[in-house]
Amino acid sequence: MTEDELKALRKEVKKAKRIATEKAGEVHDLVEDRLPAAFEEIPALAKECYDACAAWKEANDRLEAAEAAG
């Protein structure tokens, strides 16, 4: 993998982490500010957060593999 490809992958990981962190913040806000009244929002928001975290993990795993390969 070229240095440019690694740089792009690092950027992808950073973006995915930011999105996952934002979704986690939304879950936190829901729990802290809107429950129990907004309990019906939990499944959809939890799915969004899960998907964002899974996307980060997949990108991070690819980056770690690429860096290990040298």
C-alpha atoms as a PDB file:
ATOM      1  CA  MET A   1       0.000   0.000   0.000  1.00  0.00           C
ATOM      2  CA  THR A   2       1.356   3.391  -0.949  1.00  0.00           C
ATOM      3  CA  GLU A   3       1.811   6.232   1.513  1.00  0.00           C
ATOM      4  CA  ASP A   4      -1.058   8.094  -0.178  1.00  0.00           C
ATOM      5  CA  GLU A   5      -3.334   5.086   0.271  1.00  0.00           C
ATOM      6  CA  LEU A   6      -2.336   4.822   3.939  1.00  0.00           C
ATOM      7  CA  LYS A   7      -2.981   8.527   4.379  1.00  0.00           C
ATOM      8  CA  ALA A   8      -6.451   8.146   2.842  1.00  0.00           C
ATOM      9  CA  LEU A   9      -7.176   5.164   5.080  1.00  0.00           C
ATOM     10  CA  ARG A  10      -6.063   7.095   8.174  1.00  0.00           C
ATOM     11  CA  LYS A  11      -8.391   9.920   7.130  1.00  0.00           C
ATOM     12  CA  GLU A  12     -11.242   7.436   6.698  1.00  0.00           C
ATOM     13  CA  VAL A  13     -10.593   5.995  10.178  1.00  0.00           C
ATOM     14  CA  LYS A  14     -10.520   9.467  11.705  1.00  0.00           C
ATOM     15  CA  LYS A  15     -13.812  10.397  10.019  1.00  0.00           C
ATOM     16  CA  ALA A  16     -15.454   7.130  11.075  1.00  0.00           C
ATOM     17  CA  LYS A  17     -14.313   7.670  14.658  1.00  0.00           C
ATOM     18  CA  ARG A  18     -15.735  11.198  14.650  1.00  0.00           C
ATOM     19  CA  ILE A  19     -19.089   9.935  13.397  1.00  0.00           C
ATOM     20  CA  ALA A  20     -19.157   7.132  15.976  1.00  0.00           C
ATOM     21  CA  THR A  21     -18.312   9.610  18.723  1.00  0.00           C
ATOM     22  CA  GLU A  22     -21.100  11.924  17.560  1.00  0.00           C
ATOM     23  CA  LYS A  23     -23.603   9.061  17.629  1.00  0.00           C
ATOM     24  CA  ALA A  24     -22.429   8.078  21.110  1.00  0.00           C
ATOM     25  CA  GLY A  25     -22.972  11.689  22.156  1.00  0.00           C
ATOM     26  CA  GLU A  26     -26.509  11.554  20.796  1.00  0.00           C
ATOM     27  CA  VAL A  27     -27.157   8.417  22.868  1.00  0.00           C
ATOM     28  CA  HIS A  28     -25.733  10.184  25.915  1.00  0.00           C
ATOM     29  CA  ASP A  29     -27.945  13.217  25.329  1.00  0.00           C
ATOM     30  CA  LEU A  30     -30.998  11.011  24.926  1.00  0.00           C
ATOM     31  CA  VAL A  31     -30.274   9.205  28.179  1.00  0.00           C
ATOM     32  CA  GLU A  32     -29.356  12.312  30.119  1.00  0.00           C
ATOM     33  CA  ASP A  33     -31.914  14.798  28.811  1.00  0.00           C
ATOM     34  CA  ARG A  34     -34.910  13.095  27.240  1.00  0.00           C
ATOM     35  CA  LEU A  35     -35.584   9.798  28.987  1.00  0.00           C
ATOM     36  CA  PRO A  36     -37.948   8.339  29.950  1.00  0.00           C
ATOM     37  CA  ALA A  37     -40.263  10.355  27.693  1.00  0.00           C
ATOM     38  CA  ALA A  38     -38.270   9.679  24.504  1.00  0.00           C
ATOM     39  CA  PHE A  39     -37.779   5.959  25.089  1.00  0.00           C
ATOM     40  CA  GLU A  40     -39.158   5.125  21.645  1.00  0.00           C
ATOM     41  CA  GLU A  41     -36.094   6.775  20.067  1.00  0.00           C
ATOM     42  CA  ILE A  42     -33.729   4.248  21.673  1.00  0.00           C
ATOM     43  CA  PRO A  43     -33.849   1.447  19.037  1.00  0.00           C
ATOM     44  CA  ALA A  44     -33.178   3.652  16.006  1.00  0.00           C
ATOM     45  CA  LEU A  45     -30.497   5.698  17.739  1.00  0.00           C
ATOM     46  CA  ALA A  46     -28.843   2.596  19.147  1.00  0.00           C
ATOM     47  CA  LYS A  47     -28.753   1.067  15.654  1.00  0.00           C
ATOM     48  CA  GLU A  48     -27.184   4.224  14.206  1.00  0.00           C
ATOM     49  CA  CYS A  49     -24.571   4.242  16.968  1.00  0.00           C
ATOM     50  CA  TYR A  50     -23.859   0.523  16.520  1.00  0.00           C
ATOM     51  CA  ASP A  51     -23.490   0.911  12.756  1.00  0.00           C
ATOM     52  CA  ALA A  52     -21.167   3.900  13.149  1.00  0.00           C
ATOM     53  CA  CYS A  53     -18.993   2.010  15.627  1.00  0.00           C
ATOM     54  CA  ALA A  54     -18.915  -1.054  13.370  1.00  0.00           C
ATOM     55  CA  ALA A  55     -17.857   1.137  10.417  1.00  0.00           C
ATOM     56  CA  TRP A  56     -15.054   2.616  12.523  1.00  0.00           C
ATOM     57  CA  LYS A  57     -13.888  -0.858  13.607  1.00  0.00           C
ATOM     58  CA  GLU A  58     -13.869  -2.151  10.041  1.00  0.00           C
ATOM     59  CA  ALA A  59     -11.861   0.840   8.812  1.00  0.00           C
ATOM     60  CA  ASN A  60      -9.510   0.661  11.787  1.00  0.00           C
ATOM     61  CA  ASP A  61      -8.934  -3.069  11.260  1.00  0.00           C
ATOM     62  CA  ARG A  62      -8.027  -2.393   7.611  1.00  0.00           C
ATOM     63  CA  LEU A  63      -5.633   0.350   8.668  1.00  0.00           C
ATOM     64  CA  GLU A  64      -3.960  -1.848  11.282  1.00  0.00           C
ATOM     65  CA  ALA A  65      -3.553  -4.653   8.749  1.00  0.00           C
ATOM     66  CA  ALA A  66      -2.097  -2.284   6.167  1.00  0.00           C
ATOM     67  CA  GLU A  67       0.342  -0.805   8.677  1.00  0.00           C
ATOM     68  CA  ALA A  68       1.379  -4.258   9.875  1.00  0.00           C
ATOM     69  CA  ALA A  69       2.015  -5.345   6.300  1.00  0.00           C
ATOM     70  CA  GLY A  70       4.451  -2.491   6.033  1.00  0.00           C
END
